[in-house]
């Protein structure tokens, strides 16, 4: 029985470490350009409204959707901001921001000014922006109003 206690303690420690582990490709690398700048570069291409930005395999995957529902996807280096790869998607996404909403680059600039932990994912879904901030030890999630960029209180 005494032998089981150290094994159980090690097992609990392993579970606790695994539960707080975030893969390196989901953490914004040090020296990265602000996500607001990368999203602004995509917005300036006039390919549509940016619907989503997330870190995937160490690159920013930024999706913009046009009025017809076509999606342009840009894979960008977080440190240089250069486009590594572009592709299009023919899926139709019904839920997208409107031209009346605050541009995502402006919303991200507000987050970057007010939060210490960087955004690792932001997506327009169910009529709101869903935001994930993540670093090596913490993960925070909240929702934003698309018109104002202000945090929403969810019930």
N, C-alpha and C. Protein backbone atom coordinates (compact mmCIF):
# COMPACT_ATOMS: atom_id res chain seq x y z
N UNK A 1 0.82 -1.18 0.00
CA UNK A 1 0.00 0.00 0.00
C UNK A 1 0.87 1.26 0.00
N UNK A 2 1.99 1.25 0.77
CA UNK A 2 2.87 2.40 0.81
C UNK A 2 3.49 2.66 -0.56
N UNK A 3 3.67 1.61 -1.34
CA UNK A 3 4.28 1.73 -2.66
C UNK A 3 3.32 2.41 -3.64
N UNK A 4 2.06 2.25 -3.43
CA UNK A 4 1.07 2.84 -4.33
C UNK A 4 0.97 4.36 -4.17
N UNK A 5 1.23 4.89 -3.00
CA UNK A 5 1.11 6.33 -2.78
C UNK A 5 2.06 7.14 -3.66
N UNK A 6 3.36 6.77 -3.76
CA UNK A 6 4.23 7.54 -4.66
C UNK A 6 3.80 7.42 -6.13
N UNK A 7 3.35 6.24 -6.52
CA UNK A 7 2.89 6.04 -7.90
C UNK A 7 1.66 6.90 -8.17
N UNK A 8 0.74 6.93 -7.23
CA UNK A 8 -0.47 7.75 -7.38
C UNK A 8 -0.10 9.23 -7.43
N UNK A 9 0.84 9.65 -6.60
CA UNK A 9 1.26 11.05 -6.59
C UNK A 9 1.90 11.42 -7.93
N UNK A 10 2.73 10.54 -8.48
CA UNK A 10 3.33 10.80 -9.78
C UNK A 10 2.28 10.86 -10.88
N UNK A 11 1.32 9.99 -10.81
CA UNK A 11 0.24 9.97 -11.80
C UNK A 11 -0.56 11.27 -11.73
N UNK A 12 -0.90 11.73 -10.54
CA UNK A 12 -1.63 12.99 -10.39
C UNK A 12 -0.80 14.18 -10.90
N UNK A 13 0.50 14.16 -10.63
CA UNK A 13 1.38 15.22 -11.12
C UNK A 13 1.41 15.23 -12.65
N UNK A 14 1.51 14.06 -13.25
CA UNK A 14 1.52 13.96 -14.71
C UNK A 14 0.22 14.47 -15.31
N UNK A 15 -0.90 14.15 -14.69
CA UNK A 15 -2.21 14.62 -15.17
C UNK A 15 -2.29 16.14 -15.05
N UNK A 16 -1.82 16.69 -13.95
CA UNK A 16 -1.86 18.14 -13.76
C UNK A 16 -0.98 18.85 -14.78
N UNK A 17 0.20 18.31 -15.05
CA UNK A 17 1.09 18.93 -16.05
C UNK A 17 0.48 18.84 -17.44
N UNK A 18 -0.10 17.71 -17.78
CA UNK A 18 -0.71 17.54 -19.10
C UNK A 18 -1.91 18.47 -19.27
N UNK A 19 -2.67 18.66 -18.22
CA UNK A 19 -3.87 19.51 -18.31
C UNK A 19 -3.52 20.96 -18.57
N UNK A 20 -2.35 21.42 -18.13
CA UNK A 20 -1.97 22.82 -18.34
C UNK A 20 -1.04 22.99 -19.54
N UNK A 21 -0.66 21.91 -20.20
CA UNK A 21 0.25 21.96 -21.33
C UNK A 21 -0.44 22.53 -22.56
N UNK A 22 0.20 23.48 -23.21
CA UNK A 22 -0.28 24.00 -24.49
C UNK A 22 0.81 23.71 -25.51
N UNK A 23 0.47 23.05 -26.62
CA UNK A 23 1.48 22.78 -27.64
C UNK A 23 2.17 24.06 -28.07
N UNK A 24 3.45 23.96 -28.39
CA UNK A 24 4.24 25.15 -28.75
C UNK A 24 3.66 25.89 -29.94
N UNK A 25 3.01 25.19 -30.85
CA UNK A 25 2.49 25.88 -32.03
C UNK A 25 1.23 26.68 -31.72
N UNK A 26 0.71 26.58 -30.50
CA UNK A 26 -0.46 27.36 -30.11
C UNK A 26 -0.08 28.56 -29.26
N UNK A 27 1.20 28.73 -28.99
CA UNK A 27 1.69 29.84 -28.19
C UNK A 27 2.39 30.81 -29.13
N UNK A 28 2.03 32.08 -29.04
CA UNK A 28 2.64 33.09 -29.90
C UNK A 28 4.13 33.16 -29.59
N UNK A 29 4.99 32.94 -30.60
CA UNK A 29 6.43 32.97 -30.34
C UNK A 29 6.91 34.36 -29.94
N UNK A 30 7.95 34.41 -29.11
CA UNK A 30 8.51 35.71 -28.73
C UNK A 30 9.08 36.37 -29.98
N UNK A 31 9.00 37.69 -30.02
CA UNK A 31 9.49 38.42 -31.19
C UNK A 31 8.50 38.48 -32.33
N UNK A 32 7.26 38.04 -32.10
CA UNK A 32 6.24 38.06 -33.15
C UNK A 32 5.71 39.47 -33.37
N UNK A 33 5.31 39.72 -34.59
CA UNK A 33 4.61 40.98 -34.90
C UNK A 33 3.23 40.92 -34.25
N UNK A 34 2.66 42.06 -33.92
CA UNK A 34 1.29 42.04 -33.36
C UNK A 34 0.31 41.43 -34.38
N UNK A 35 -0.58 40.60 -33.90
CA UNK A 35 -1.57 39.98 -34.79
C UNK A 35 -2.40 41.05 -35.49
N UNK A 36 -2.64 42.17 -34.84
CA UNK A 36 -3.42 43.24 -35.47
C UNK A 36 -2.77 43.70 -36.77
N UNK A 37 -1.44 43.74 -36.83
CA UNK A 37 -0.74 44.14 -38.05
C UNK A 37 -0.92 43.12 -39.17
N UNK A 38 -0.85 41.84 -38.83
CA UNK A 38 -1.02 40.80 -39.84
C UNK A 38 -2.44 40.79 -40.38
N UNK A 39 -3.41 40.93 -39.48
CA UNK A 39 -4.81 40.97 -39.91
C UNK A 39 -5.07 42.20 -40.76
N UNK A 40 -4.48 43.33 -40.40
CA UNK A 40 -4.63 44.56 -41.20
C UNK A 40 -4.09 44.34 -42.61
N UNK A 41 -2.97 43.65 -42.74
CA UNK A 41 -2.40 43.35 -44.06
C UNK A 41 -3.37 42.52 -44.90
N UNK A 42 -4.06 41.57 -44.26
CA UNK A 42 -5.06 40.76 -44.98
C UNK A 42 -6.26 41.63 -45.33
N UNK A 43 -6.71 42.45 -44.39
CA UNK A 43 -7.84 43.35 -44.67
C UNK A 43 -7.52 44.26 -45.86
N UNK A 44 -6.29 44.74 -45.94
CA UNK A 44 -5.89 45.63 -47.02
C UNK A 44 -5.88 44.96 -48.39
N UNK A 45 -5.85 43.64 -48.41
CA UNK A 45 -5.90 42.91 -49.68
C UNK A 45 -7.31 42.93 -50.29
N UNK A 46 -8.30 43.34 -49.49
CA UNK A 46 -9.69 43.47 -49.95
C UNK A 46 -10.25 42.15 -50.52
N UNK A 47 -9.89 41.03 -49.85
CA UNK A 47 -10.41 39.73 -50.27
C UNK A 47 -11.68 39.34 -49.51
N UNK A 48 -12.07 40.16 -48.54
CA UNK A 48 -13.24 39.89 -47.73
C UNK A 48 -12.99 40.28 -46.29
N UNK A 49 -13.98 40.03 -45.45
CA UNK A 49 -13.87 40.35 -44.03
C UNK A 49 -13.19 39.19 -43.31
N UNK A 50 -12.24 39.52 -42.45
CA UNK A 50 -11.53 38.47 -41.71
C UNK A 50 -12.48 37.86 -40.70
N UNK A 51 -12.59 36.53 -40.74
CA UNK A 51 -13.51 35.77 -39.89
C UNK A 51 -12.78 35.04 -38.77
N UNK A 52 -11.49 34.72 -39.00
CA UNK A 52 -10.79 33.89 -38.02
C UNK A 52 -9.28 34.07 -38.16
N UNK A 53 -8.59 34.00 -37.03
CA UNK A 53 -7.13 33.96 -37.00
C UNK A 53 -6.74 33.01 -35.88
N UNK A 54 -5.88 32.04 -36.21
CA UNK A 54 -5.42 31.12 -35.18
C UNK A 54 -4.02 30.63 -35.52
N UNK A 55 -3.27 30.34 -34.47
CA UNK A 55 -1.96 29.74 -34.66
C UNK A 55 -2.16 28.26 -34.97
N UNK A 56 -1.51 27.81 -36.04
CA UNK A 56 -1.63 26.42 -36.45
C UNK A 56 -0.28 25.99 -37.02
N UNK A 57 0.33 25.00 -36.40
CA UNK A 57 1.65 24.50 -36.83
C UNK A 57 2.68 25.63 -36.92
N UNK A 58 2.62 26.56 -35.97
CA UNK A 58 3.60 27.62 -35.89
C UNK A 58 3.37 28.79 -36.82
N UNK A 59 2.29 28.77 -37.60
CA UNK A 59 1.96 29.87 -38.50
C UNK A 59 0.59 30.43 -38.14
N UNK A 60 0.40 31.73 -38.42
CA UNK A 60 -0.94 32.29 -38.31
C UNK A 60 -1.75 31.84 -39.51
N UNK A 61 -2.92 31.27 -39.27
CA UNK A 61 -3.87 30.95 -40.33
C UNK A 61 -4.98 31.98 -40.22
N UNK A 62 -5.06 32.85 -41.23
CA UNK A 62 -6.02 33.95 -41.21
C UNK A 62 -7.00 33.74 -42.34
N UNK A 63 -8.30 33.67 -41.99
CA UNK A 63 -9.35 33.41 -42.97
C UNK A 63 -10.20 34.65 -43.19
N UNK A 64 -10.37 35.00 -44.46
CA UNK A 64 -11.24 36.12 -44.84
C UNK A 64 -12.33 35.58 -45.75
N UNK A 65 -13.55 36.08 -45.57
CA UNK A 65 -14.70 35.59 -46.33
C UNK A 65 -15.32 36.74 -47.12
N UNK A 66 -15.60 36.48 -48.40
CA UNK A 66 -16.19 37.53 -49.24
C UNK A 66 -17.71 37.45 -49.18
N UNK A 67 -18.42 38.41 -49.80
CA UNK A 67 -19.89 38.40 -49.72
C UNK A 67 -20.56 37.15 -50.30
N UNK A 68 -19.84 36.42 -51.15
CA UNK A 68 -20.40 35.20 -51.75
C UNK A 68 -20.12 33.96 -50.93
N UNK A 69 -19.36 34.12 -49.87
CA UNK A 69 -19.06 32.99 -49.00
C UNK A 69 -17.77 32.28 -49.32
N UNK A 70 -17.02 32.77 -50.30
CA UNK A 70 -15.72 32.16 -50.60
C UNK A 70 -14.70 32.61 -49.55
N UNK A 71 -13.83 31.69 -49.18
CA UNK A 71 -12.86 31.95 -48.11
C UNK A 71 -11.45 31.97 -48.68
N UNK A 72 -10.72 33.04 -48.39
CA UNK A 72 -9.30 33.11 -48.70
C UNK A 72 -8.55 32.83 -47.40
N UNK A 73 -7.57 31.93 -47.47
CA UNK A 73 -6.82 31.55 -46.28
C UNK A 73 -5.36 31.92 -46.49
N UNK A 74 -4.81 32.66 -45.52
CA UNK A 74 -3.42 33.09 -45.58
C UNK A 74 -2.66 32.47 -44.42
N UNK A 75 -1.55 31.81 -44.72
CA UNK A 75 -0.67 31.26 -43.69
C UNK A 75 0.52 32.21 -43.60
N UNK A 76 0.68 32.83 -42.41
CA UNK A 76 1.66 33.89 -42.25
C UNK A 76 2.65 33.59 -41.13
N UNK A 77 3.90 33.95 -41.38
CA UNK A 77 4.95 33.79 -40.37
C UNK A 77 4.70 34.81 -39.26
N UNK A 78 4.60 34.37 -38.00
CA UNK A 78 4.29 35.30 -36.91
C UNK A 78 5.39 36.35 -36.66
N UNK A 79 6.63 36.01 -36.95
CA UNK A 79 7.73 36.95 -36.67
C UNK A 79 7.94 37.97 -37.78
N UNK A 80 7.78 37.54 -39.04
CA UNK A 80 8.05 38.45 -40.16
C UNK A 80 6.77 39.04 -40.76
N UNK A 81 5.66 38.34 -40.58
CA UNK A 81 4.40 38.78 -41.19
C UNK A 81 4.28 38.40 -42.65
N UNK A 82 5.27 37.70 -43.19
CA UNK A 82 5.21 37.34 -44.60
C UNK A 82 4.22 36.19 -44.83
N UNK A 83 3.57 36.23 -45.99
CA UNK A 83 2.63 35.18 -46.36
C UNK A 83 3.45 33.99 -46.87
N UNK A 84 3.30 32.85 -46.22
CA UNK A 84 4.02 31.64 -46.58
C UNK A 84 3.24 30.86 -47.64
N UNK A 85 1.92 30.89 -47.50
CA UNK A 85 1.07 30.11 -48.40
C UNK A 85 -0.31 30.76 -48.42
N UNK A 86 -0.97 30.69 -49.56
CA UNK A 86 -2.35 31.14 -49.70
C UNK A 86 -3.16 30.02 -50.33
N UNK A 87 -4.42 29.93 -49.93
CA UNK A 87 -5.33 29.00 -50.60
C UNK A 87 -6.75 29.51 -50.46
N UNK A 88 -7.64 28.91 -51.21
CA UNK A 88 -9.06 29.28 -51.13
C UNK A 88 -9.86 28.06 -50.74
N UNK A 89 -11.02 28.33 -50.20
CA UNK A 89 -11.93 27.29 -49.74
C UNK A 89 -13.29 27.60 -50.37
N UNK A 90 -13.95 26.59 -50.87
CA UNK A 90 -15.25 26.81 -51.51
C UNK A 90 -16.41 26.57 -50.55
N UNK A 91 -16.09 26.25 -49.29
CA UNK A 91 -17.18 26.06 -48.32
C UNK A 91 -17.93 27.37 -48.13
N UNK A 92 -19.18 27.27 -47.83
CA UNK A 92 -19.98 28.46 -47.56
C UNK A 92 -20.17 28.59 -46.06
N UNK A 93 -19.76 29.71 -45.54
CA UNK A 93 -19.87 29.98 -44.10
C UNK A 93 -20.96 31.03 -43.90
N UNK A 94 -22.04 30.64 -43.30
CA UNK A 94 -23.16 31.57 -43.11
C UNK A 94 -22.85 32.62 -42.05
N UNK A 95 -22.10 32.25 -41.03
CA UNK A 95 -21.84 33.16 -39.92
C UNK A 95 -20.56 33.94 -40.20
N UNK A 96 -20.71 35.24 -40.47
CA UNK A 96 -19.55 36.07 -40.78
C UNK A 96 -19.81 37.48 -40.30
N UNK A 97 -18.71 38.23 -40.06
CA UNK A 97 -18.90 39.62 -39.65
C UNK A 97 -19.54 40.42 -40.78
N UNK A 98 -20.07 41.58 -40.44
CA UNK A 98 -20.66 42.45 -41.46
C UNK A 98 -19.78 43.67 -41.66
N UNK A 99 -20.03 44.40 -42.73
CA UNK A 99 -19.25 45.61 -42.99
C UNK A 99 -19.54 46.70 -41.96
N UNK A 100 -20.63 46.56 -41.19
CA UNK A 100 -20.95 47.52 -40.12
C UNK A 100 -20.15 47.25 -38.85
N UNK A 101 -19.55 46.06 -38.75
CA UNK A 101 -18.78 45.71 -37.56
C UNK A 101 -17.42 46.40 -37.58
N UNK A 102 -16.86 46.56 -36.41
CA UNK A 102 -15.51 47.14 -36.28
C UNK A 102 -14.53 46.16 -36.94
N UNK A 103 -13.59 46.66 -37.75
CA UNK A 103 -12.61 45.75 -38.37
C UNK A 103 -11.85 44.95 -37.32
N UNK A 104 -11.57 43.70 -37.64
CA UNK A 104 -10.89 42.84 -36.68
C UNK A 104 -9.52 43.40 -36.28
N UNK A 105 -8.82 44.03 -37.21
CA UNK A 105 -7.50 44.58 -36.85
C UNK A 105 -7.63 45.62 -35.73
N UNK A 106 -8.70 46.40 -35.74
CA UNK A 106 -8.92 47.40 -34.68
C UNK A 106 -9.27 46.74 -33.35
N UNK A 107 -10.08 45.69 -33.42
CA UNK A 107 -10.43 44.94 -32.20
C UNK A 107 -9.17 44.32 -31.59
N UNK A 108 -8.34 43.72 -32.45
CA UNK A 108 -7.10 43.11 -31.96
C UNK A 108 -6.16 44.15 -31.35
N UNK A 109 -6.08 45.33 -31.96
CA UNK A 109 -5.23 46.39 -31.40
C UNK A 109 -5.71 46.77 -30.00
N UNK A 110 -7.03 46.80 -29.79
CA UNK A 110 -7.58 47.09 -28.46
C UNK A 110 -7.17 46.00 -27.47
N UNK A 111 -7.27 44.74 -27.89
CA UNK A 111 -6.89 43.62 -27.01
C UNK A 111 -5.40 43.71 -26.68
N UNK A 112 -4.58 43.94 -27.70
CA UNK A 112 -3.13 44.00 -27.49
C UNK A 112 -2.74 45.13 -26.54
N UNK A 113 -3.50 46.19 -26.54
CA UNK A 113 -3.23 47.33 -25.65
C UNK A 113 -3.61 46.99 -24.20
N UNK A 114 -4.68 46.19 -24.02
CA UNK A 114 -5.23 45.97 -22.68
C UNK A 114 -4.89 44.64 -22.03
N UNK A 115 -4.37 43.69 -22.79
CA UNK A 115 -4.09 42.36 -22.24
C UNK A 115 -2.60 42.07 -22.27
N UNK A 116 -2.11 41.36 -21.27
CA UNK A 116 -0.69 40.98 -21.23
C UNK A 116 -0.45 39.70 -22.03
N UNK A 117 -1.38 38.79 -21.99
CA UNK A 117 -1.24 37.51 -22.69
C UNK A 117 -1.69 37.69 -24.14
N UNK A 118 -0.91 37.19 -25.10
CA UNK A 118 -1.27 37.39 -26.51
C UNK A 118 -2.45 36.52 -26.97
N UNK A 119 -3.13 37.02 -27.98
CA UNK A 119 -4.22 36.26 -28.61
C UNK A 119 -3.61 35.10 -29.37
N UNK A 120 -4.12 33.90 -29.16
CA UNK A 120 -3.68 32.74 -29.94
C UNK A 120 -4.78 32.28 -30.90
N UNK A 121 -6.00 32.78 -30.68
CA UNK A 121 -7.10 32.44 -31.59
C UNK A 121 -8.23 33.46 -31.40
N UNK A 122 -8.83 33.84 -32.52
CA UNK A 122 -10.03 34.68 -32.48
C UNK A 122 -10.89 34.25 -33.66
N UNK A 123 -12.19 34.07 -33.38
CA UNK A 123 -13.09 33.59 -34.42
C UNK A 123 -14.46 34.25 -34.28
N UNK A 124 -15.04 34.62 -35.42
CA UNK A 124 -16.41 35.14 -35.43
C UNK A 124 -17.34 33.94 -35.51
N UNK A 125 -18.19 33.78 -34.48
CA UNK A 125 -19.08 32.62 -34.40
C UNK A 125 -20.31 33.03 -33.60
N UNK A 126 -21.46 32.63 -34.06
CA UNK A 126 -22.72 32.93 -33.37
C UNK A 126 -22.92 34.44 -33.16
N UNK A 127 -22.42 35.24 -34.11
CA UNK A 127 -22.64 36.68 -34.05
C UNK A 127 -21.74 37.45 -33.11
N UNK A 128 -20.71 36.79 -32.55
CA UNK A 128 -19.77 37.45 -31.63
C UNK A 128 -18.35 37.00 -31.95
N UNK A 129 -17.37 37.75 -31.44
CA UNK A 129 -15.97 37.33 -31.53
C UNK A 129 -15.65 36.48 -30.31
N UNK A 130 -15.12 35.29 -30.55
CA UNK A 130 -14.67 34.40 -29.48
C UNK A 130 -13.15 34.45 -29.47
N UNK A 131 -12.59 34.81 -28.32
CA UNK A 131 -11.17 35.09 -28.20
C UNK A 131 -10.51 34.12 -27.23
N UNK A 132 -9.31 33.65 -27.61
CA UNK A 132 -8.49 32.82 -26.73
C UNK A 132 -7.13 33.49 -26.59
N UNK A 133 -6.74 33.77 -25.35
CA UNK A 133 -5.40 34.26 -25.04
C UNK A 133 -4.65 33.10 -24.42
N UNK A 134 -3.40 32.90 -24.85
CA UNK A 134 -2.66 31.74 -24.32
C UNK A 134 -1.18 32.04 -24.27
N UNK A 135 -0.56 31.62 -23.15
CA UNK A 135 0.90 31.60 -23.06
C UNK A 135 1.30 30.25 -22.47
N UNK A 136 2.53 30.13 -21.99
CA UNK A 136 3.00 28.83 -21.51
C UNK A 136 2.22 28.30 -20.31
N UNK A 137 1.65 29.20 -19.51
CA UNK A 137 1.00 28.76 -18.28
C UNK A 137 -0.49 29.07 -18.19
N UNK A 138 -0.97 30.03 -18.98
CA UNK A 138 -2.36 30.47 -18.82
C UNK A 138 -3.12 30.41 -20.13
N UNK A 139 -4.42 30.20 -19.98
CA UNK A 139 -5.34 30.26 -21.11
C UNK A 139 -6.58 31.00 -20.63
N UNK A 140 -6.93 32.05 -21.35
CA UNK A 140 -8.09 32.86 -21.00
C UNK A 140 -9.00 32.94 -22.22
N UNK A 141 -10.30 32.85 -21.99
CA UNK A 141 -11.27 32.97 -23.08
C UNK A 141 -12.31 34.02 -22.72
N UNK A 142 -12.74 34.77 -23.73
CA UNK A 142 -13.83 35.72 -23.54
C UNK A 142 -14.47 36.02 -24.89
N UNK A 143 -15.58 36.75 -24.85
CA UNK A 143 -16.34 37.10 -26.05
C UNK A 143 -16.41 38.61 -26.19
N UNK A 144 -16.44 39.07 -27.47
CA UNK A 144 -16.47 40.49 -27.75
C UNK A 144 -17.64 40.85 -28.65
N UNK A 145 -18.16 42.04 -28.43
CA UNK A 145 -19.20 42.60 -29.29
C UNK A 145 -18.53 43.00 -30.62
N UNK A 146 -19.05 42.55 -31.77
CA UNK A 146 -18.41 42.87 -33.05
C UNK A 146 -18.53 44.34 -33.47
N UNK A 147 -19.49 45.04 -32.93
CA UNK A 147 -19.68 46.46 -33.29
C UNK A 147 -18.74 47.37 -32.52
N UNK A 148 -18.47 47.02 -31.24
CA UNK A 148 -17.68 47.90 -30.38
C UNK A 148 -16.34 47.32 -29.98
N UNK A 149 -16.20 46.01 -30.00
CA UNK A 149 -14.98 45.36 -29.53
C UNK A 149 -14.93 45.21 -28.02
N UNK A 150 -16.02 45.57 -27.34
CA UNK A 150 -16.07 45.48 -25.87
C UNK A 150 -16.38 44.06 -25.42
N UNK A 151 -15.87 43.69 -24.25
CA UNK A 151 -16.13 42.37 -23.69
C UNK A 151 -17.60 42.23 -23.35
N UNK A 152 -18.11 41.02 -23.63
CA UNK A 152 -19.50 40.71 -23.31
C UNK A 152 -19.55 39.88 -22.04
N UNK A 153 -20.55 40.09 -21.24
CA UNK A 153 -20.78 39.27 -20.05
C UNK A 153 -21.72 38.15 -20.48
N UNK A 154 -21.23 36.93 -20.41
CA UNK A 154 -22.03 35.78 -20.83
C UNK A 154 -22.73 35.19 -19.62
N UNK A 155 -24.01 34.85 -19.81
CA UNK A 155 -24.79 34.28 -18.71
C UNK A 155 -24.95 32.81 -18.88
